[in-house]
Amino acid sequence: MVPLAMALLMAGFVTGTVVCRARLNAQAKMQQHLAQEVLRFHVLANSDSKKDQELKLFVRDAVLSYLEAEMPAQMDVEETKLWMREHVREIEQTGIDAVEERGYDYPVNAAVTTCWFPDKTYGDLTFPQGNYEALRVEIGAAKGHNWWCVLYPSLCFMDSVSAVVPEEGKEKLQNVLTEDEYARITVTDKFKIKWYFLELFADRE
């Protein structure tokens, strides 16, 4: 007969595996739902040199300024994605103009595409890793460290030191996510974040 202690240990292991798998499934389902409700922004620098990294931020600012000036307000996420696709050449040209203004001749490519993102925190919102649609802007060889934010709902900010996510963007997310889903991405306590994300991924902030 199997000793009682061993039987209890095996039962605990099985139970833990089942619970872990259930949480993983819940996490994946939440991420997939979240991905349907957002459009992210991804800018890749030519290289990790100081000048190329500074150029990346200059291009970022130019594209965000263009979008702020030209993109209609009060669109939902699908309308935003459609508008981006219809104006991708203008977005691309905005990036090219910014590169040339700084005296470089790097090509710039822009597209709305699906990208894999690691866990990322924006202010007090933490987005789990997974595939998300994004406006992706590649500068030159696109081999340098990248920069990202969320275009819809508007969660972009420039000051990463004192980042404050716009309340309007958070309200839009709250309206399309379940109460539990929204609670998962707005947790700020590190211990609770690890609990929600199963302690599988190290803090990358």
C-alpha atoms as a PDB file:
ATOM      1  CA  MET A   1       0.000   0.000   0.000  1.00  0.00           C
ATOM      2  CA  VAL A   2       1.094   3.552  -0.675  1.00  0.00           C
ATOM      3  CA  PRO A   3       2.031   5.319   2.580  1.00  0.00           C
ATOM      4  CA  LEU A   4      -0.468   7.978   3.630  1.00  0.00           C
ATOM      5  CA  ALA A   5       2.112  10.768   3.410  1.00  0.00           C
ATOM      6  CA  MET A   6       3.003   9.760  -0.122  1.00  0.00           C
ATOM      7  CA  ALA A   7      -0.664   9.560  -1.106  1.00  0.00           C
ATOM      8  CA  LEU A   8      -1.303  13.032   0.282  1.00  0.00           C
ATOM      9  CA  LEU A   9       1.731  14.374  -1.535  1.00  0.00           C
ATOM     10  CA  MET A  10       0.568  12.888  -4.836  1.00  0.00           C
ATOM     11  CA  ALA A  11      -2.946  14.220  -4.301  1.00  0.00           C
ATOM     12  CA  GLY A  12      -1.563  17.669  -3.583  1.00  0.00           C
ATOM     13  CA  PHE A  13       0.595  17.562  -6.691  1.00  0.00           C
ATOM     14  CA  VAL A  14      -2.368  16.554  -8.879  1.00  0.00           C
ATOM     15  CA  THR A  15      -4.577  19.223  -7.350  1.00  0.00           C
ATOM     16  CA  GLY A  16      -1.887  21.864  -7.792  1.00  0.00           C
ATOM     17  CA  THR A  17      -1.398  20.880 -11.419  1.00  0.00           C
ATOM     18  CA  VAL A  18      -5.120  21.114 -12.125  1.00  0.00           C
ATOM     19  CA  VAL A  19      -5.396  24.510 -10.424  1.00  0.00           C
ATOM     20  CA  CYS A  20      -2.315  25.827 -12.236  1.00  0.00           C
ATOM     21  CA  ARG A  21      -3.649  24.656 -15.580  1.00  0.00           C
ATOM     22  CA  ALA A  22      -7.018  26.284 -14.876  1.00  0.00           C
ATOM     23  CA  ARG A  23      -5.314  29.572 -14.032  1.00  0.00           C
ATOM     24  CA  LEU A  24      -3.161  29.392 -17.141  1.00  0.00           C
ATOM     25  CA  ASN A  25      -6.276  28.854 -19.245  1.00  0.00           C
ATOM     26  CA  ALA A  26      -7.987  31.798 -17.537  1.00  0.00           C
ATOM     27  CA  GLN A  27      -4.927  33.962 -18.128  1.00  0.00           C
ATOM     28  CA  ALA A  28      -4.776  33.011 -21.826  1.00  0.00           C
ATOM     29  CA  LYS A  29      -8.485  33.682 -22.265  1.00  0.00           C
ATOM     30  CA  MET A  30      -8.165  37.073 -20.595  1.00  0.00           C
ATOM     31  CA  GLN A  31      -5.169  38.021 -22.754  1.00  0.00           C
ATOM     32  CA  GLN A  32      -6.996  37.015 -25.938  1.00  0.00           C
ATOM     33  CA  HIS A  33     -10.016  39.113 -24.957  1.00  0.00           C
ATOM     34  CA  LEU A  34      -7.799  42.068 -24.065  1.00  0.00           C
ATOM     35  CA  ALA A  35      -5.981  41.754 -27.398  1.00  0.00           C
ATOM     36  CA  GLN A  36      -9.290  42.158 -29.229  1.00  0.00           C
ATOM     37  CA  GLU A  37      -9.941  45.468 -27.492  1.00  0.00           C
ATOM     38  CA  VAL A  38      -6.631  47.269 -27.951  1.00  0.00           C
ATOM     39  CA  LEU A  39      -4.260  48.449 -30.660  1.00  0.00           C
ATOM     40  CA  ARG A  40      -0.661  48.793 -29.590  1.00  0.00           C
ATOM     41  CA  PHE A  41       2.151  50.934 -31.027  1.00  0.00           C
ATOM     42  CA  HIS A  42       5.600  49.494 -31.676  1.00  0.00           C
ATOM     43  CA  VAL A  43       8.616  51.512 -32.860  1.00  0.00           C
ATOM     44  CA  LEU A  44      11.876  49.681 -33.615  1.00  0.00           C
ATOM     45  CA  ALA A  45      15.148  51.613 -33.766  1.00  0.00           C
ATOM     46  CA  ASN A  46      17.798  50.981 -36.395  1.00  0.00           C
ATOM     47  CA  SER A  47      20.320  49.976 -33.719  1.00  0.00           C
ATOM     48  CA  ASP A  48      21.160  50.432 -30.040  1.00  0.00           C
ATOM     49  CA  SER A  49      23.513  53.331 -30.663  1.00  0.00           C
ATOM     50  CA  LYS A  50      22.691  56.483 -28.714  1.00  0.00           C
ATOM     51  CA  LYS A  51      21.904  58.433 -31.897  1.00  0.00           C
ATOM     52  CA  ASP A  52      19.643  55.719 -33.299  1.00  0.00           C
ATOM     53  CA  GLN A  53      17.800  55.457 -29.992  1.00  0.00           C
ATOM     54  CA  GLU A  54      17.294  59.226 -29.946  1.00  0.00           C
ATOM     55  CA  LEU A  55      16.062  59.057 -33.538  1.00  0.00           C
ATOM     56  CA  LYS A  56      13.559  56.362 -32.546  1.00  0.00           C
ATOM     57  CA  LEU A  57      11.980  58.706 -30.003  1.00  0.00           C
ATOM     58  CA  PHE A  58      11.936  61.554 -32.520  1.00  0.00           C
ATOM     59  CA  VAL A  59      10.088  59.356 -35.015  1.00  0.00           C
ATOM     60  CA  ARG A  60       7.733  58.203 -32.254  1.00  0.00           C
ATOM     61  CA  ASP A  61       6.858  61.791 -31.384  1.00  0.00           C
ATOM     62  CA  ALA A  62       6.302  62.694 -35.042  1.00  0.00           C
ATOM     63  CA  VAL A  63       3.955  59.760 -35.640  1.00  0.00           C
ATOM     64  CA  LEU A  64       1.990  60.397 -32.449  1.00  0.00           C
ATOM     65  CA  SER A  65       1.649  64.083 -33.378  1.00  0.00           C
ATOM     66  CA  TYR A  66       0.373  63.100 -36.821  1.00  0.00           C
ATOM     67  CA  LEU A  67      -2.163  60.706 -35.334  1.00  0.00           C
ATOM     68  CA  GLU A  68      -3.347  63.258 -32.788  1.00  0.00           C
ATOM     69  CA  ALA A  69      -3.885  65.829 -35.537  1.00  0.00           C
ATOM     70  CA  GLU A  70      -5.395  63.609 -38.224  1.00  0.00           C
ATOM     71  CA  MET A  71      -7.165  60.636 -36.658  1.00  0.00           C
ATOM     72  CA  PRO A  72     -10.881  61.174 -35.965  1.00  0.00           C
ATOM     73  CA  ALA A  73     -12.029  60.987 -32.378  1.00  0.00           C
ATOM     74  CA  GLN A  74     -14.744  58.705 -31.004  1.00  0.00           C
ATOM     75  CA  MET A  75     -13.794  55.606 -32.992  1.00  0.00           C
ATOM     76  CA  ASP A  76     -13.914  52.090 -31.594  1.00  0.00           C
ATOM     77  CA  VAL A  77     -10.975  49.717 -31.807  1.00  0.00           C
ATOM     78  CA  GLU A  78     -11.953  48.174 -35.158  1.00  0.00           C
ATOM     79  CA  GLU A  79     -12.542  51.595 -36.719  1.00  0.00           C
ATOM     80  CA  THR A  80      -9.163  52.710 -35.368  1.00  0.00           C
ATOM     81  CA  LYS A  81      -7.418  49.706 -36.924  1.00  0.00           C
ATOM     82  CA  LEU A  82      -9.164  50.327 -40.242  1.00  0.00           C
ATOM     83  CA  TRP A  83      -8.194  53.993 -40.225  1.00  0.00           C
ATOM     84  CA  MET A  84      -4.586  53.075 -39.494  1.00  0.00           C
ATOM     85  CA  ARG A  85      -4.488  50.621 -42.401  1.00  0.00           C
ATOM     86  CA  GLU A  86      -6.010  53.188 -44.751  1.00  0.00           C
ATOM     87  CA  HIS A  87      -3.437  55.805 -43.724  1.00  0.00           C
ATOM     88  CA  VAL A  88      -0.375  53.608 -43.284  1.00  0.00           C
ATOM     89  CA  ARG A  89       1.443  55.291 -46.169  1.00  0.00           C
ATOM     90  CA  GLU A  90       0.933  58.723 -44.601  1.00  0.00           C
ATOM     91  CA  ILE A  91       2.165  57.343 -41.270  1.00  0.00           C
ATOM     92  CA  GLU A  92       5.178  55.863 -43.025  1.00  0.00           C
ATOM     93  CA  GLN A  93       5.915  59.156 -44.770  1.00  0.00           C
ATOM     94  CA  THR A  94       5.692  60.969 -41.443  1.00  0.00           C
ATOM     95  CA  GLY A  95       8.415  58.663 -40.152  1.00  0.00           C
ATOM     96  CA  ILE A  96      10.538  59.174 -43.278  1.00  0.00           C
ATOM     97  CA  ASP A  97      10.238  62.950 -42.966  1.00  0.00           C
ATOM     98  CA  ALA A  98      11.298  62.769 -39.309  1.00  0.00           C
ATOM     99  CA  VAL A  99      14.332  60.632 -40.187  1.00  0.00           C
ATOM    100  CA  GLU A 100      15.371  63.002 -42.972  1.00  0.00           C
ATOM    101  CA  GLU A 101      14.881  66.014 -40.699  1.00  0.00           C
ATOM    102  CA  ARG A 102      17.540  64.547 -38.416  1.00  0.00           C
ATOM    103  CA  GLY A 103      19.908  64.055 -41.339  1.00  0.00           C
ATOM    104  CA  TYR A 104      19.574  60.275 -41.802  1.00  0.00           C
ATOM    105  CA  ASP A 105      18.575  58.260 -44.849  1.00  0.00           C
ATOM    106  CA  TYR A 106      17.175  55.155 -43.160  1.00  0.00           C
ATOM    107  CA  PRO A 107      14.092  53.624 -44.755  1.00  0.00           C
ATOM    108  CA  VAL A 108      10.942  53.546 -42.636  1.00  0.00           C
ATOM    109  CA  ASN A 109       8.316  50.831 -42.904  1.00  0.00           C
ATOM    110  CA  ALA A 110       4.916  50.954 -41.216  1.00  0.00           C
ATOM    111  CA  ALA A 111       2.159  48.356 -41.005  1.00  0.00           C
ATOM    112  CA  VAL A 112      -0.714  47.239 -38.817  1.00  0.00           C
ATOM    113  CA  THR A 113       0.239  43.693 -37.949  1.00  0.00           C
ATOM    114  CA  THR A 114       0.167  41.095 -35.181  1.00  0.00           C
ATOM    115  CA  CYS A 115       3.182  41.218 -32.856  1.00  0.00           C
ATOM    116  CA  TRP A 116       4.223  39.264 -29.776  1.00  0.00           C
ATOM    117  CA  PHE A 117       4.726  41.419 -26.680  1.00  0.00           C
ATOM    118  CA  PRO A 118       6.227  40.466 -23.312  1.00  0.00           C
ATOM    119  CA  ASP A 119       4.560  41.483 -20.040  1.00  0.00           C
ATOM    120  CA  LYS A 120       4.471  45.274 -20.029  1.00  0.00           C
ATOM    121  CA  THR A 121       3.351  47.872 -17.496  1.00  0.00           C
ATOM    122  CA  TYR A 122       1.949  51.249 -18.540  1.00  0.00           C
ATOM    123  CA  GLY A 123       1.556  53.416 -15.463  1.00  0.00           C
ATOM    124  CA  ASP A 124      -0.712  51.307 -13.253  1.00  0.00           C
ATOM    125  CA  LEU A 125      -1.858  48.919 -15.999  1.00  0.00           C
ATOM    126  CA  THR A 126      -0.018  45.646 -16.636  1.00  0.00           C
ATOM    127  CA  PHE A 127      -0.637  43.856 -19.940  1.00  0.00           C
ATOM    128  CA  PRO A 128       0.186  40.122 -20.006  1.00  0.00           C
ATOM    129  CA  GLN A 129       2.472  38.702 -22.670  1.00  0.00           C
ATOM    130  CA  GLY A 130       0.897  37.475 -25.880  1.00  0.00           C
ATOM    131  CA  ASN A 131       0.008  38.422 -29.446  1.00  0.00           C
ATOM    132  CA  TYR A 132      -1.557  41.835 -30.061  1.00  0.00           C
ATOM    133  CA  GLU A 133      -2.310  43.835 -33.168  1.00  0.00           C
ATOM    134  CA  ALA A 134      -0.066  46.861 -33.381  1.00  0.00           C
ATOM    135  CA  LEU A 135       0.954  49.753 -35.559  1.00  0.00           C
ATOM    136  CA  ARG A 136       4.562  48.672 -36.129  1.00  0.00           C
ATOM    137  CA  VAL A 137       7.081  51.246 -37.357  1.00  0.00           C
ATOM    138  CA  GLU A 138      10.515  49.931 -38.332  1.00  0.00           C
ATOM    139  CA  ILE A 139      13.440  52.323 -38.768  1.00  0.00           C
ATOM    140  CA  GLY A 140      16.347  51.159 -40.932  1.00  0.00           C
ATOM    141  CA  ALA A 141      17.495  47.655 -39.959  1.00  0.00           C
ATOM    142  CA  ALA A 142      15.077  47.645 -36.981  1.00  0.00           C
ATOM    143  CA  LYS A 143      17.700  45.866 -34.836  1.00  0.00           C
ATOM    144  CA  GLY A 144      17.698  48.221 -31.852  1.00  0.00           C
ATOM    145  CA  HIS A 145      15.722  48.325 -28.628  1.00  0.00           C
ATOM    146  CA  ASN A 146      12.113  49.151 -29.282  1.00  0.00           C
ATOM    147  CA  TRP A 147       9.493  51.393 -27.725  1.00  0.00           C
ATOM    148  CA  TRP A 148       5.805  50.638 -27.312  1.00  0.00           C
ATOM    149  CA  CYS A 149       2.561  51.933 -25.909  1.00  0.00           C
ATOM    150  CA  VAL A 150      -1.163  51.450 -26.512  1.00  0.00           C
ATOM    151  CA  LEU A 151      -2.806  53.591 -29.190  1.00  0.00           C
ATOM    152  CA  TYR A 152      -6.339  52.424 -28.508  1.00  0.00           C
ATOM    153  CA  PRO A 153      -7.585  53.172 -26.010  1.00  0.00           C
ATOM    154  CA  SER A 154      -5.120  56.020 -25.612  1.00  0.00           C
ATOM    155  CA  LEU A 155      -2.534  54.867 -23.067  1.00  0.00           C
ATOM    156  CA  CYS A 156       0.522  56.525 -24.600  1.00  0.00           C
ATOM    157  CA  PHE A 157       2.634  58.845 -22.528  1.00  0.00           C
ATOM    158  CA  MET A 158       6.036  60.388 -23.014  1.00  0.00           C
ATOM    159  CA  ASP A 159       7.439  60.551 -19.476  1.00  0.00           C
ATOM    160  CA  SER A 160       8.268  56.995 -18.442  1.00  0.00           C
ATOM    161  CA  VAL A 161       9.480  58.185 -15.028  1.00  0.00           C
ATOM    162  CA  SER A 162       6.185  59.679 -13.888  1.00  0.00           C
ATOM    163  CA  ALA A 163       3.839  57.903 -16.268  1.00  0.00           C
ATOM    164  CA  VAL A 164       0.177  58.553 -15.641  1.00  0.00           C
ATOM    165  CA  VAL A 165      -2.272  56.670 -17.843  1.00  0.00           C
ATOM    166  CA  PRO A 166      -5.109  58.898 -19.168  1.00  0.00           C
ATOM    167  CA  GLU A 167      -8.364  58.252 -17.313  1.00  0.00           C
ATOM    168  CA  GLU A 168     -10.325  58.232 -20.585  1.00  0.00           C
ATOM    169  CA  GLY A 169      -8.274  55.304 -21.857  1.00  0.00           C
ATOM    170  CA  LYS A 170      -8.753  53.369 -18.622  1.00  0.00           C
ATOM    171  CA  GLU A 171     -12.505  54.010 -18.706  1.00  0.00           C
ATOM    172  CA  LYS A 172     -12.732  52.589 -22.229  1.00  0.00           C
ATOM    173  CA  LEU A 173     -10.895  49.459 -21.134  1.00  0.00           C
ATOM    174  CA  GLN A 174     -13.100  49.123 -18.076  1.00  0.00           C
ATOM    175  CA  ASN A 175     -16.191  49.273 -20.285  1.00  0.00           C
ATOM    176  CA  VAL A 176     -15.116  46.383 -22.531  1.00  0.00           C
ATOM    177  CA  LEU A 177     -13.449  44.074 -19.996  1.00  0.00           C
ATOM    178  CA  THR A 178     -15.107  42.057 -17.271  1.00  0.00           C
ATOM    179  CA  GLU A 179     -14.649  43.221 -13.689  1.00  0.00           C
ATOM    180  CA  ASP A 180     -12.197  40.386 -13.026  1.00  0.00           C
ATOM    181  CA  GLU A 181     -10.206  41.051 -16.225  1.00  0.00           C
ATOM    182  CA  TYR A 182      -9.885  44.744 -15.420  1.00  0.00           C
ATOM    183  CA  ALA A 183      -8.828  43.930 -11.868  1.00  0.00           C
ATOM    184  CA  ARG A 184      -6.071  41.675 -13.221  1.00  0.00           C
ATOM    185  CA  ILE A 185      -4.473  44.394 -15.341  1.00  0.00           C
ATOM    186  CA  THR A 186      -4.819  47.216 -12.803  1.00  0.00           C
ATOM    187  CA  VAL A 187      -3.177  45.455  -9.867  1.00  0.00           C
ATOM    188  CA  THR A 188      -0.148  47.454  -8.730  1.00  0.00           C
ATOM    189  CA  ASP A 189       1.141  45.434  -5.784  1.00  0.00           C
ATOM    190  CA  LYS A 190       4.010  43.230  -7.017  1.00  0.00           C
ATOM    191  CA  PHE A 191       2.940  40.248  -4.937  1.00  0.00           C
ATOM    192  CA  LYS A 192      -0.583  40.388  -6.362  1.00  0.00           C
ATOM    193  CA  ILE A 193       0.731  40.789  -9.887  1.00  0.00           C
ATOM    194  CA  LYS A 194       2.756  37.602  -9.423  1.00  0.00           C
ATOM    195  CA  TRP A 195      -0.327  35.865  -8.079  1.00  0.00           C
ATOM    196  CA  TYR A 196      -2.385  36.914 -11.086  1.00  0.00           C
ATOM    197  CA  PHE A 197       0.346  36.009 -13.563  1.00  0.00           C
ATOM    198  CA  LEU A 198       1.233  32.746 -11.787  1.00  0.00           C
ATOM    199  CA  GLU A 199       4.768  33.805 -10.927  1.00  0.00           C
ATOM    200  CA  LEU A 200       5.886  32.496 -14.312  1.00  0.00           C
ATOM    201  CA  PHE A 201       7.458  35.675 -15.601  1.00  0.00           C
ATOM    202  CA  ALA A 202       9.982  37.946 -13.947  1.00  0.00           C
ATOM    203  CA  ASP A 203       9.230  41.642 -13.566  1.00  0.00           C
ATOM    204  CA  ARG A 204      10.660  43.292 -16.698  1.00  0.00           C
ATOM    205  CA  GLU A 205      10.043  46.894 -15.775  1.00  0.00           C
END
